[in-house]
């Protein structure tokens, strides 16, 4: 019986570990609307903050490993708030913490770099 309880506990710990948050450090942050533009794909760092703010309704995502990963609603709200304090005109870089679900991230924290 003790072995069965131990196996159940070990299995639940493995499952909990698989849901652990990931962290994407110093990645380019881009609005969804502009993420498909060739110029933005080629050099997302040149994408201006002003444009990202103007296109905020489309949502945001990060360019990571050559892919665009969308942020969930909670992440989008954090990005909008963070962009209000951005000091650079472009080169929007961030660290994102959350759980990846396909091509979307369930965000727990976004910090501009």
PDB file of N, CA and C in Angstrom:
ATOM      1  N   UNK A   1       0.819  -1.188   0.000  1.00  0.00           N
ATOM      2  CA  UNK A   1       0.000   0.000   0.000  1.00  0.00           C
ATOM      3  C   UNK A   1       0.863   1.253   0.000  1.00  0.00           C
ATOM      4  N   UNK A   2       1.971   1.216   0.774  1.00  0.00           N
ATOM      5  CA  UNK A   2       2.863   2.371   0.820  1.00  0.00           C
ATOM      6  C   UNK A   2       3.483   2.629  -0.543  1.00  0.00           C
ATOM      7  N   UNK A   3       3.808   1.541  -1.269  1.00  0.00           N
ATOM      8  CA  UNK A   3       4.385   1.706  -2.602  1.00  0.00           C
ATOM      9  C   UNK A   3       3.398   2.391  -3.537  1.00  0.00           C
ATOM     10  N   UNK A   4       2.142   2.017  -3.447  1.00  0.00           N
ATOM     11  CA  UNK A   4       1.114   2.614  -4.293  1.00  0.00           C
ATOM     12  C   UNK A   4       0.960   4.102  -3.984  1.00  0.00           C
ATOM     13  N   UNK A   5       0.963   4.453  -2.711  1.00  0.00           N
ATOM     14  CA  UNK A   5       0.860   5.862  -2.315  1.00  0.00           C
ATOM     15  C   UNK A   5       2.076   6.635  -2.818  1.00  0.00           C
ATOM     16  N   UNK A   6       3.264   6.052  -2.709  1.00  0.00           N
ATOM     17  CA  UNK A   6       4.489   6.706  -3.173  1.00  0.00           C
ATOM     18  C   UNK A   6       4.446   6.923  -4.681  1.00  0.00           C
ATOM     19  N   UNK A   7       4.007   5.913  -5.424  1.00  0.00           N
ATOM     20  CA  UNK A   7       3.908   6.035  -6.880  1.00  0.00           C
ATOM     21  C   UNK A   7       2.900   7.114  -7.270  1.00  0.00           C
ATOM     22  N   UNK A   8       1.796   7.199  -6.557  1.00  0.00           N
ATOM     23  CA  UNK A   8       0.799   8.238  -6.826  1.00  0.00           C
ATOM     24  C   UNK A   8       1.375   9.618  -6.571  1.00  0.00           C
ATOM     25  N   UNK A   9       2.111   9.774  -5.473  1.00  0.00           N
ATOM     26  CA  UNK A   9       2.733  11.058  -5.146  1.00  0.00           C
ATOM     27  C   UNK A   9       3.793  11.423  -6.186  1.00  0.00           C
ATOM     28  N   UNK A  10       4.605  10.464  -6.571  1.00  0.00           N
ATOM     29  CA  UNK A  10       5.649  10.720  -7.572  1.00  0.00           C
ATOM     30  C   UNK A  10       5.021  11.097  -8.913  1.00  0.00           C
ATOM     31  N   UNK A  11       3.955  10.413  -9.283  1.00  0.00           N
ATOM     32  CA  UNK A  11       3.277  10.730 -10.542  1.00  0.00           C
ATOM     33  C   UNK A  11       2.676  12.117 -10.535  1.00  0.00           C
ATOM     34  N   UNK A  12       2.087  12.517  -9.411  1.00  0.00           N
ATOM     35  CA  UNK A  12       1.504  13.861  -9.347  1.00  0.00           C
ATOM     36  C   UNK A  12       2.585  14.928  -9.373  1.00  0.00           C
ATOM     37  N   UNK A  13       3.749  14.647  -8.810  1.00  0.00           N
ATOM     38  CA  UNK A  13       4.856  15.602  -8.853  1.00  0.00           C
ATOM     39  C   UNK A  13       5.368  15.750 -10.278  1.00  0.00           C
ATOM     40  N   UNK A  14       5.427  14.668 -11.027  1.00  0.00           N
ATOM     41  CA  UNK A  14       5.842  14.741 -12.431  1.00  0.00           C
ATOM     42  C   UNK A  14       4.857  15.563 -13.233  1.00  0.00           C
ATOM     43  N   UNK A  15       3.570  15.363 -12.993  1.00  0.00           N
ATOM     44  CA  UNK A  15       2.547  16.120 -13.708  1.00  0.00           C
ATOM     45  C   UNK A  15       2.653  17.605 -13.372  1.00  0.00           C
ATOM     46  N   UNK A  16       2.835  17.928 -12.121  1.00  0.00           N
ATOM     47  CA  UNK A  16       2.961  19.334 -11.711  1.00  0.00           C
ATOM     48  C   UNK A  16       4.200  19.959 -12.330  1.00  0.00           C
ATOM     49  N   UNK A  17       5.275  19.204 -12.432  1.00  0.00           N
ATOM     50  CA  UNK A  17       6.498  19.717 -13.041  1.00  0.00           C
ATOM     51  C   UNK A  17       6.325  20.014 -14.518  1.00  0.00           C
ATOM     52  N   UNK A  18       5.452  19.253 -15.188  1.00  0.00           N
ATOM     53  CA  UNK A  18       5.240  19.494 -16.614  1.00  0.00           C
ATOM     54  C   UNK A  18       4.451  20.778 -16.856  1.00  0.00           C
ATOM     55  N   UNK A  19       3.772  21.296 -15.832  1.00  0.00           N
ATOM     56  CA  UNK A  19       3.010  22.531 -15.960  1.00  0.00           C
ATOM     57  C   UNK A  19       3.805  23.746 -15.498  1.00  0.00           C
ATOM     58  N   UNK A  20       5.072  23.527 -15.206  1.00  0.00           N
ATOM     59  CA  UNK A  20       5.904  24.622 -14.712  1.00  0.00           C
ATOM     60  C   UNK A  20       6.039  25.720 -15.758  1.00  0.00           C
ATOM     61  N   UNK A  21       6.166  26.929 -15.264  1.00  0.00           N
ATOM     62  CA  UNK A  21       6.292  28.087 -16.150  1.00  0.00           C
ATOM     63  C   UNK A  21       7.618  28.054 -16.896  1.00  0.00           C
ATOM     64  N   UNK A  22       7.573  28.588 -18.106  1.00  0.00           N
ATOM     65  CA  UNK A  22       8.780  28.764 -18.911  1.00  0.00           C
ATOM     66  C   UNK A  22       9.132  30.244 -18.893  1.00  0.00           C
ATOM     67  N   UNK A  23      10.358  30.530 -19.270  1.00  0.00           N
ATOM     68  CA  UNK A  23      10.792  31.922 -19.332  1.00  0.00           C
ATOM     69  C   UNK A  23      11.497  32.173 -20.662  1.00  0.00           C
ATOM     70  N   UNK A  24      11.046  33.219 -21.340  1.00  0.00           N
ATOM     71  CA  UNK A  24      11.672  33.649 -22.580  1.00  0.00           C
ATOM     72  C   UNK A  24      12.360  34.967 -22.265  1.00  0.00           C
ATOM     73  N   UNK A  25      13.689  34.970 -22.322  1.00  0.00           N
ATOM     74  CA  UNK A  25      14.457  36.156 -21.939  1.00  0.00           C
ATOM     75  C   UNK A  25      14.876  36.975 -23.148  1.00  0.00           C
ATOM     76  N   UNK A  26      14.757  38.288 -23.008  1.00  0.00           N
ATOM     77  CA  UNK A  26      15.250  39.242 -24.002  1.00  0.00           C
ATOM     78  C   UNK A  26      14.769  38.922 -25.418  1.00  0.00           C
ATOM     79  N   UNK A  27      13.472  38.677 -25.556  1.00  0.00           N
ATOM     80  CA  UNK A  27      12.886  38.374 -26.862  1.00  0.00           C
ATOM     81  C   UNK A  27      12.194  39.617 -27.422  1.00  0.00           C
ATOM     82  N   UNK A  28      12.084  39.680 -28.741  1.00  0.00           N
ATOM     83  CA  UNK A  28      11.407  40.801 -29.388  1.00  0.00           C
ATOM     84  C   UNK A  28       9.908  40.709 -29.146  1.00  0.00           C
ATOM     85  N   UNK A  29       9.326  41.840 -28.800  1.00  0.00           N
ATOM     86  CA  UNK A  29       7.899  41.946 -28.532  1.00  0.00           C
ATOM     87  C   UNK A  29       7.259  42.714 -29.684  1.00  0.00           C
ATOM     88  N   UNK A  30       6.230  42.126 -30.316  1.00  0.00           N
ATOM     89  CA  UNK A  30       5.623  42.706 -31.516  1.00  0.00           C
ATOM     90  C   UNK A  30       4.107  42.557 -31.418  1.00  0.00           C
ATOM     91  N   UNK A  31       3.382  43.537 -31.965  1.00  0.00           N
ATOM     92  CA  UNK A  31       1.926  43.381 -32.016  1.00  0.00           C
ATOM     93  C   UNK A  31       1.576  42.345 -33.082  1.00  0.00           C
ATOM     94  N   UNK A  32       0.445  41.687 -32.893  1.00  0.00           N
ATOM     95  CA  UNK A  32       0.031  40.605 -33.789  1.00  0.00           C
ATOM     96  C   UNK A  32      -0.180  41.094 -35.218  1.00  0.00           C
ATOM     97  N   UNK A  33      -0.761  42.285 -35.363  1.00  0.00           N
ATOM     98  CA  UNK A  33      -1.050  42.807 -36.693  1.00  0.00           C
ATOM     99  C   UNK A  33       0.228  42.939 -37.537  1.00  0.00           C
ATOM    100  N   UNK A  34       1.293  43.403 -36.932  1.00  0.00           N
ATOM    101  CA  UNK A  34       2.535  43.640 -37.678  1.00  0.00           C
ATOM    102  C   UNK A  34       3.453  42.422 -37.734  1.00  0.00           C
ATOM    103  N   UNK A  35       3.124  41.379 -36.990  1.00  0.00           N
ATOM    104  CA  UNK A  35       4.006  40.212 -36.920  1.00  0.00           C
ATOM    105  C   UNK A  35       4.181  39.510 -38.263  1.00  0.00           C
ATOM    106  N   UNK A  36       3.234  39.685 -39.172  1.00  0.00           N
ATOM    107  CA  UNK A  36       3.303  39.033 -40.480  1.00  0.00           C
ATOM    108  C   UNK A  36       3.996  39.878 -41.546  1.00  0.00           C
ATOM    109  N   UNK A  37       4.297  41.118 -41.236  1.00  0.00           N
ATOM    110  CA  UNK A  37       4.964  41.986 -42.218  1.00  0.00           C
ATOM    111  C   UNK A  37       6.403  41.534 -42.405  1.00  0.00           C
ATOM    112  N   UNK A  38       6.837  41.497 -43.661  1.00  0.00           N
ATOM    113  CA  UNK A  38       8.189  41.032 -43.972  1.00  0.00           C
ATOM    114  C   UNK A  38       9.260  41.840 -43.252  1.00  0.00           C
ATOM    115  N   UNK A  39       9.087  43.161 -43.188  1.00  0.00           N
ATOM    116  CA  UNK A  39      10.082  44.013 -42.538  1.00  0.00           C
ATOM    117  C   UNK A  39      10.192  43.687 -41.051  1.00  0.00           C
ATOM    118  N   UNK A  40       9.072  43.404 -40.415  1.00  0.00           N
ATOM    119  CA  UNK A  40       9.079  43.075 -38.989  1.00  0.00           C
ATOM    120  C   UNK A  40       9.666  41.684 -38.773  1.00  0.00           C
ATOM    121  N   UNK A  41       9.318  40.754 -39.641  1.00  0.00           N
ATOM    122  CA  UNK A  41       9.897  39.411 -39.539  1.00  0.00           C
ATOM    123  C   UNK A  41      11.413  39.463 -39.699  1.00  0.00           C
ATOM    124  N   UNK A  42      11.880  40.287 -40.636  1.00  0.00           N
ATOM    125  CA  UNK A  42      13.311  40.379 -40.912  1.00  0.00           C
ATOM    126  C   UNK A  42      14.077  41.026 -39.758  1.00  0.00           C
ATOM    127  N   UNK A  43      13.487  42.043 -39.147  1.00  0.00           N
ATOM    128  CA  UNK A  43      14.167  42.740 -38.046  1.00  0.00           C
ATOM    129  C   UNK A  43      13.137  43.307 -37.078  1.00  0.00           C
ATOM    130  N   UNK A  44      12.621  42.464 -36.171  1.00  0.00           N
ATOM    131  CA  UNK A  44      11.589  42.926 -35.246  1.00  0.00           C
ATOM    132  C   UNK A  44      12.051  44.050 -34.319  1.00  0.00           C
ATOM    133  N   UNK A  45      13.338  44.204 -34.140  1.00  0.00           N
ATOM    134  CA  UNK A  45      13.850  45.266 -33.268  1.00  0.00           C
ATOM    135  C   UNK A  45      13.603  46.662 -33.843  1.00  0.00           C
ATOM    136  N   UNK A  46      13.389  46.755 -35.143  1.00  0.00           N
ATOM    137  CA  UNK A  46      13.128  48.061 -35.753  1.00  0.00           C
ATOM    138  C   UNK A  46      11.657  48.456 -35.657  1.00  0.00           C
ATOM    139  N   UNK A  47      10.818  47.558 -35.170  1.00  0.00           N
ATOM    140  CA  UNK A  47       9.391  47.849 -35.037  1.00  0.00           C
ATOM    141  C   UNK A  47       9.194  48.902 -33.943  1.00  0.00           C
ATOM    142  N   UNK A  48       8.596  50.043 -34.283  1.00  0.00           N
ATOM    143  CA  UNK A  48       8.485  51.138 -33.313  1.00  0.00           C
ATOM    144  C   UNK A  48       7.426  50.920 -32.223  1.00  0.00           C
ATOM    145  N   UNK A  49       7.732  51.437 -31.054  1.00  0.00           N
ATOM    146  CA  UNK A  49       6.801  51.389 -29.930  1.00  0.00           C
ATOM    147  C   UNK A  49       5.490  52.068 -30.313  1.00  0.00           C
ATOM    148  N   UNK A  50       5.605  53.179 -31.015  1.00  0.00           N
ATOM    149  CA  UNK A  50       4.424  53.944 -31.430  1.00  0.00           C
ATOM    150  C   UNK A  50       3.460  53.067 -32.235  1.00  0.00           C
ATOM    151  N   UNK A  51       3.983  52.259 -33.134  1.00  0.00           N
ATOM    152  CA  UNK A  51       3.158  51.364 -33.937  1.00  0.00           C
ATOM    153  C   UNK A  51       2.553  50.268 -33.054  1.00  0.00           C
ATOM    154  N   UNK A  52       3.348  49.706 -32.170  1.00  0.00           N
ATOM    155  CA  UNK A  52       2.847  48.649 -31.280  1.00  0.00           C
ATOM    156  C   UNK A  52       1.679  49.154 -30.441  1.00  0.00           C
ATOM    157  N   UNK A  53       1.797  50.380 -29.941  1.00  0.00           N
ATOM    158  CA  UNK A  53       0.713  50.973 -29.152  1.00  0.00           C
ATOM    159  C   UNK A  53      -0.526  51.188 -30.032  1.00  0.00           C
ATOM    160  N   UNK A  54      -0.322  51.676 -31.251  1.00  0.00           N
ATOM    161  CA  UNK A  54      -1.435  51.924 -32.169  1.00  0.00           C
ATOM    162  C   UNK A  54      -2.148  50.624 -32.558  1.00  0.00           C
ATOM    163  N   UNK A  55      -1.410  49.533 -32.604  1.00  0.00           N
ATOM    164  CA  UNK A  55      -1.974  48.242 -33.020  1.00  0.00           C
ATOM    165  C   UNK A  55      -2.294  47.332 -31.830  1.00  0.00           C
ATOM    166  N   UNK A  56      -2.359  47.887 -30.647  1.00  0.00           N
ATOM    167  CA  UNK A  56      -2.540  47.100 -29.420  1.00  0.00           C
ATOM    168  C   UNK A  56      -3.790  46.226 -29.428  1.00  0.00           C
ATOM    169  N   UNK A  57      -4.842  46.666 -30.109  1.00  0.00           N
ATOM    170  CA  UNK A  57      -6.086  45.887 -30.129  1.00  0.00           C
ATOM    171  C   UNK A  57      -5.905  44.513 -30.766  1.00  0.00           C
ATOM    172  N   UNK A  58      -4.877  44.378 -31.620  1.00  0.00           N
ATOM    173  CA  UNK A  58      -4.639  43.086 -32.269  1.00  0.00           C
ATOM    174  C   UNK A  58      -3.962  42.091 -31.323  1.00  0.00           C
ATOM    175  N   UNK A  59      -3.455  42.589 -30.190  1.00  0.00           N
ATOM    176  CA  UNK A  59      -2.752  41.731 -29.244  1.00  0.00           C
ATOM    177  C   UNK A  59      -1.264  41.741 -29.517  1.00  0.00           C
ATOM    178  N   UNK A  60      -0.522  41.016 -28.704  1.00  0.00           N
ATOM    179  CA  UNK A  60       0.933  40.990 -28.796  1.00  0.00           C
ATOM    180  C   UNK A  60       1.455  39.569 -28.771  1.00  0.00           C
ATOM    181  N   UNK A  61       2.701  39.467 -29.131  1.00  0.00           N
ATOM    182  CA  UNK A  61       3.386  38.188 -29.071  1.00  0.00           C
ATOM    183  C   UNK A  61       4.878  38.419 -29.072  1.00  0.00           C
ATOM    184  N   UNK A  62       5.606  37.330 -28.994  1.00  0.00           N
ATOM    185  CA  UNK A  62       7.067  37.410 -29.007  1.00  0.00           C
ATOM    186  C   UNK A  62       7.603  36.652 -30.214  1.00  0.00           C
ATOM    187  N   UNK A  63       8.742  37.102 -30.680  1.00  0.00           N
ATOM    188  CA  UNK A  63       9.458  36.389 -31.731  1.00  0.00           C
ATOM    189  C   UNK A  63      10.514  35.547 -31.004  1.00  0.00           C
ATOM    190  N   UNK A  64      10.317  34.236 -31.007  1.00  0.00           N
ATOM    191  CA  UNK A  64      11.238  33.340 -30.311  1.00  0.00           C
ATOM    192  C   UNK A  64      11.544  32.151 -31.203  1.00  0.00           C
ATOM    193  N   UNK A  65      12.812  31.898 -31.403  1.00  0.00           N
ATOM    194  CA  UNK A  65      13.258  30.768 -32.224  1.00  0.00           C
ATOM    195  C   UNK A  65      12.612  30.776 -33.603  1.00  0.00           C
ATOM    196  N   UNK A  66      12.494  31.974 -34.186  1.00  0.00           N
ATOM    197  CA  UNK A  66      11.949  32.110 -35.528  1.00  0.00           C
ATOM    198  C   UNK A  66      10.445  31.956 -35.622  1.00  0.00           C
ATOM    199  N   UNK A  67       9.764  31.866 -34.479  1.00  0.00           N
ATOM    200  CA  UNK A  67       8.310  31.720 -34.453  1.00  0.00           C
ATOM    201  C   UNK A  67       7.682  32.873 -33.705  1.00  0.00           C
ATOM    202  N   UNK A  68       6.447  33.173 -34.061  1.00  0.00           N
ATOM    203  CA  UNK A  68       5.672  34.173 -33.339  1.00  0.00           C
ATOM    204  C   UNK A  68       4.749  33.445 -32.376  1.00  0.00           C
ATOM    205  N   UNK A  69       4.910  33.713 -31.095  1.00  0.00           N
ATOM    206  CA  UNK A  69       4.057  33.114 -30.068  1.00  0.00           C
ATOM    207  C   UNK A  69       3.161  34.198 -29.497  1.00  0.00           C
ATOM    208  N   UNK A  70       1.850  34.020 -29.614  1.00  0.00           N
ATOM    209  CA  UNK A  70       0.891  35.009 -29.120  1.00  0.00           C
ATOM    210  C   UNK A  70       0.843  34.989 -27.595  1.00  0.00           C
ATOM    211  N   UNK A  71       0.544  36.147 -27.035  1.00  0.00           N
ATOM    212  CA  UNK A  71       0.323  36.258 -25.601  1.00  0.00           C
ATOM    213  C   UNK A  71      -1.178  36.211 -25.335  1.00  0.00           C
ATOM    214  N   UNK A  72      -1.561  35.690 -24.186  1.00  0.00           N
ATOM    215  CA  UNK A  72      -2.979  35.661 -23.823  1.00  0.00           C
ATOM    216  C   UNK A  72      -3.440  37.051 -23.390  1.00  0.00           C
ATOM    217  N   UNK A  73      -4.716  37.179 -23.033  1.00  0.00           N
ATOM    218  CA  UNK A  73      -5.273  38.481 -22.654  1.00  0.00           C
ATOM    219  C   UNK A  73      -4.537  39.107 -21.473  1.00  0.00           C
ATOM    220  N   UNK A  74      -4.184  38.295 -20.491  1.00  0.00           N
ATOM    221  CA  UNK A  74      -3.460  38.826 -19.327  1.00  0.00           C
ATOM    222  C   UNK A  74      -2.108  39.401 -19.755  1.00  0.00           C
ATOM    223  N   UNK A  75      -1.434  38.711 -20.647  1.00  0.00           N
ATOM    224  CA  UNK A  75      -0.152  39.194 -21.158  1.00  0.00           C
ATOM    225  C   UNK A  75      -0.311  40.464 -21.969  1.00  0.00           C
ATOM    226  N   UNK A  76      -1.354  40.525 -22.784  1.00  0.00           N
ATOM    227  CA  UNK A  76      -1.604  41.724 -23.590  1.00  0.00           C
ATOM    228  C   UNK A  76      -1.817  42.946 -22.707  1.00  0.00           C
ATOM    229  N   UNK A  77      -2.558  42.781 -21.629  1.00  0.00           N
ATOM    230  CA  UNK A  77      -2.792  43.899 -20.700  1.00  0.00           C
ATOM    231  C   UNK A  77      -1.487  44.360 -20.058  1.00  0.00           C
ATOM    232  N   UNK A  78      -0.645  43.422 -19.692  1.00  0.00           N
ATOM    233  CA  UNK A  78       0.648  43.780 -19.092  1.00  0.00           C
ATOM    234  C   UNK A  78       1.529  44.528 -20.091  1.00  0.00           C
ATOM    235  N   UNK A  79       1.509  44.099 -21.345  1.00  0.00           N
ATOM    236  CA  UNK A  79       2.317  44.753 -22.372  1.00  0.00           C
ATOM    237  C   UNK A  79       1.843  46.183 -22.598  1.00  0.00           C
ATOM    238  N   UNK A  80       0.531  46.385 -22.698  1.00  0.00           N
ATOM    239  CA  UNK A  80      -0.007  47.738 -22.896  1.00  0.00           C
ATOM    240  C   UNK A  80       0.451  48.653 -21.769  1.00  0.00           C
ATOM    241  N   UNK A  81       0.360  48.180 -20.539  1.00  0.00           N
ATOM    242  CA  UNK A  81       0.790  48.986 -19.395  1.00  0.00           C
ATOM    243  C   UNK A  81       2.290  49.266 -19.455  1.00  0.00           C
ATOM    244  N   UNK A  82       3.069  48.259 -19.818  1.00  0.00           N
ATOM    245  CA  UNK A  82       4.527  48.426 -19.878  1.00  0.00           C
ATOM    246  C   UNK A  82       4.942  49.387 -20.992  1.00  0.00           C
ATOM    247  N   UNK A  83       4.260  49.331 -22.136  1.00  0.00           N
ATOM    248  CA  UNK A  83       4.617  50.205 -23.253  1.00  0.00           C
ATOM    249  C   UNK A  83       4.372  51.674 -22.939  1.00  0.00           C
ATOM    250  N   UNK A  84       3.475  51.945 -22.013  1.00  0.00           N
ATOM    251  CA  UNK A  84       3.211  53.331 -21.616  1.00  0.00           C
ATOM    252  C   UNK A  84       4.437  53.952 -20.953  1.00  0.00           C
ATOM    253  N   UNK A  85       5.326  53.121 -20.421  1.00  0.00           N
ATOM    254  CA  UNK A  85       6.526  53.626 -19.742  1.00  0.00           C
ATOM    255  C   UNK A  85       7.803  53.386 -20.552  1.00  0.00           C
ATOM    256  N   UNK A  86       7.667  52.865 -21.773  1.00  0.00           N
ATOM    257  CA  UNK A  86       8.847  52.563 -22.600  1.00  0.00           C
ATOM    258  C   UNK A  86       9.645  53.830 -22.877  1.00  0.00           C
ATOM    259  N   UNK A  87      10.941  53.736 -22.757  1.00  0.00           N
ATOM    260  CA  UNK A  87      11.814  54.890 -22.944  1.00  0.00           C
ATOM    261  C   UNK A  87      12.468  54.918 -24.327  1.00  0.00           C
ATOM    262  N   UNK A  88      12.482  53.776 -25.012  1.00  0.00           N
ATOM    263  CA  UNK A  88      13.089  53.696 -26.344  1.00  0.00           C
ATOM    264  C   UNK A  88      12.007  53.814 -27.416  1.00  0.00           C
ATOM    265  N   UNK A  89      12.347  54.353 -28.586  1.00  0.00           N
ATOM    266  CA  UNK A  89      11.362  54.466 -29.665  1.00  0.00           C
ATOM    267  C   UNK A  89      11.118  53.138 -30.402  1.00  0.00           C
ATOM    268  N   UNK A  90      12.027  52.191 -30.274  1.00  0.00           N
ATOM    269  CA  UNK A  90      11.893  50.888 -30.921  1.00  0.00           C
ATOM    270  C   UNK A  90      12.703  49.876 -30.118  1.00  0.00           C
ATOM    271  N   UNK A  91      13.059  48.759 -30.731  1.00  0.00           N
ATOM    272  CA  UNK A  91      13.854  47.727 -30.056  1.00  0.00           C
ATOM    273  C   UNK A  91      13.133  47.276 -28.779  1.00  0.00           C
ATOM    274  N   UNK A  92      11.866  46.846 -28.945  1.00  0.00           N
ATOM    275  CA  UNK A  92      11.057  46.420 -27.800  1.00  0.00           C
ATOM    276  C   UNK A  92      11.458  44.994 -27.435  1.00  0.00           C
ATOM    277  N   UNK A  93      12.151  44.867 -26.353  1.00  0.00           N
ATOM    278  CA  UNK A  93      12.591  43.564 -25.856  1.00  0.00           C
ATOM    279  C   UNK A  93      11.952  43.311 -24.502  1.00  0.00           C
ATOM    280  N   UNK A  94      11.645  42.044 -24.229  1.00  0.00           N
ATOM    281  CA  UNK A  94      10.977  41.709 -22.978  1.00  0.00           C
ATOM    282  C   UNK A  94      11.411  40.338 -22.482  1.00  0.00           C
ATOM    283  N   UNK A  95      11.131  40.116 -21.224  1.00  0.00           N
ATOM    284  CA  UNK A  95      11.236  38.794 -20.633  1.00  0.00           C
ATOM    285  C   UNK A  95       9.817  38.388 -20.284  1.00  0.00           C
ATOM    286  N   UNK A  96       9.409  37.225 -20.753  1.00  0.00           N
ATOM    287  CA  UNK A  96       8.046  36.741 -20.562  1.00  0.00           C
ATOM    288  C   UNK A  96       8.098  35.429 -19.785  1.00  0.00           C
ATOM    289  N   UNK A  97       7.266  35.347 -18.764  1.00  0.00           N
ATOM    290  CA  UNK A  97       7.147  34.128 -17.968  1.00  0.00           C
ATOM    291  C   UNK A  97       5.716  33.632 -18.109  1.00  0.00           C
ATOM    292  N   UNK A  98       5.575  32.359 -18.423  1.00  0.00           N
ATOM    293  CA  UNK A  98       4.239  31.785 -18.564  1.00  0.00           C
ATOM    294  C   UNK A  98       4.309  30.347 -19.023  1.00  0.00           C
ATOM    295  N   UNK A  99       3.157  29.834 -19.380  1.00  0.00           N
ATOM    296  CA  UNK A  99       3.050  28.449 -19.826  1.00  0.00           C
ATOM    297  C   UNK A  99       2.670  28.424 -21.300  1.00  0.00           C
ATOM    298  N   UNK A 100       3.481  27.764 -22.094  1.00  0.00           N
ATOM    299  CA  UNK A 100       3.211  27.680 -23.529  1.00  0.00           C
ATOM    300  C   UNK A 100       2.134  26.634 -23.791  1.00  0.00           C
ATOM    301  N   UNK A 101       1.144  27.054 -24.579  1.00  0.00           N
ATOM    302  CA  UNK A 101       0.060  26.159 -24.978  1.00  0.00           C
ATOM    303  C   UNK A 101      -0.058  26.263 -26.488  1.00  0.00           C
ATOM    304  N   UNK A 102       0.652  25.427 -27.212  1.00  0.00           N
ATOM    305  CA  UNK A 102       0.693  25.503 -28.675  1.00  0.00           C
ATOM    306  C   UNK A 102       1.464  26.736 -29.097  1.00  0.00           C
ATOM    307  N   UNK A 103       0.803  27.630 -29.836  1.00  0.00           N
ATOM    308  CA  UNK A 103       1.440  28.865 -30.299  1.00  0.00           C
ATOM    309  C   UNK A 103       1.029  30.068 -29.450  1.00  0.00           C
ATOM    310  N   UNK A 104       0.530  29.802 -28.240  1.00  0.00           N
ATOM    311  CA  UNK A 104       0.133  30.882 -27.340  1.00  0.00           C
ATOM    312  C   UNK A 104       0.780  30.678 -25.979  1.00  0.00           C
ATOM    313  N   UNK A 105       1.019  31.789 -25.294  1.00  0.00           N
ATOM    314  CA  UNK A 105       1.590  31.738 -23.950  1.00  0.00           C
ATOM    315  C   UNK A 105       0.563  32.269 -22.963  1.00  0.00           C
ATOM    316  N   UNK A 106       0.253  31.464 -21.955  1.00  0.00           N
ATOM    317  CA  UNK A 106      -0.569  31.912 -20.832  1.00  0.00           C
ATOM    318  C   UNK A 106       0.401  32.643 -19.895  1.00  0.00           C
ATOM    319  N   UNK A 107       0.359  33.945 -19.927  1.00  0.00           N
ATOM    320  CA  UNK A 107       1.376  34.789 -19.298  1.00  0.00           C
ATOM    321  C   UNK A 107       1.118  34.993 -17.809  1.00  0.00           C
ATOM    322  N   UNK A 108       2.180  34.878 -17.033  1.00  0.00           N
ATOM    323  CA  UNK A 108       2.092  35.258 -15.630  1.00  0.00           C
ATOM    324  C   UNK A 108       2.828  36.582 -15.395  1.00  0.00           C
ATOM    325  N   UNK A 109       3.860  36.867 -16.232  1.00  0.00           N
ATOM    326  CA  UNK A 109       4.587  38.120 -16.034  1.00  0.00           C
ATOM    327  C   UNK A 109       5.299  38.549 -17.323  1.00  0.00           C
ATOM    328  N   UNK A 110       5.231  39.849 -17.604  1.00  0.00           N
ATOM    329  CA  UNK A 110       5.960  40.445 -18.721  1.00  0.00           C
ATOM    330  C   UNK A 110       6.761  41.622 -18.165  1.00  0.00           C
ATOM    331  N   UNK A 111       8.033  41.656 -18.487  1.00  0.00           N
ATOM    332  CA  UNK A 111       8.903  42.753 -18.068  1.00  0.00           C
ATOM    333  C   UNK A 111       9.661  43.267 -19.279  1.00  0.00           C
ATOM    334  N   UNK A 112       9.561  44.570 -19.540  1.00  0.00           N
ATOM    335  CA  UNK A 112      10.359  45.127 -20.622  1.00  0.00           C
ATOM    336  C   UNK A 112      11.827  45.167 -20.195  1.00  0.00           C
ATOM    337  N   UNK A 113      12.708  44.855 -21.136  1.00  0.00           N
ATOM    338  CA  UNK A 113      14.157  44.877 -20.829  1.00  0.00           C
ATOM    339  C   UNK A 113      14.732  46.238 -21.129  1.00  0.00           C
TER     340      UNK A 113
END
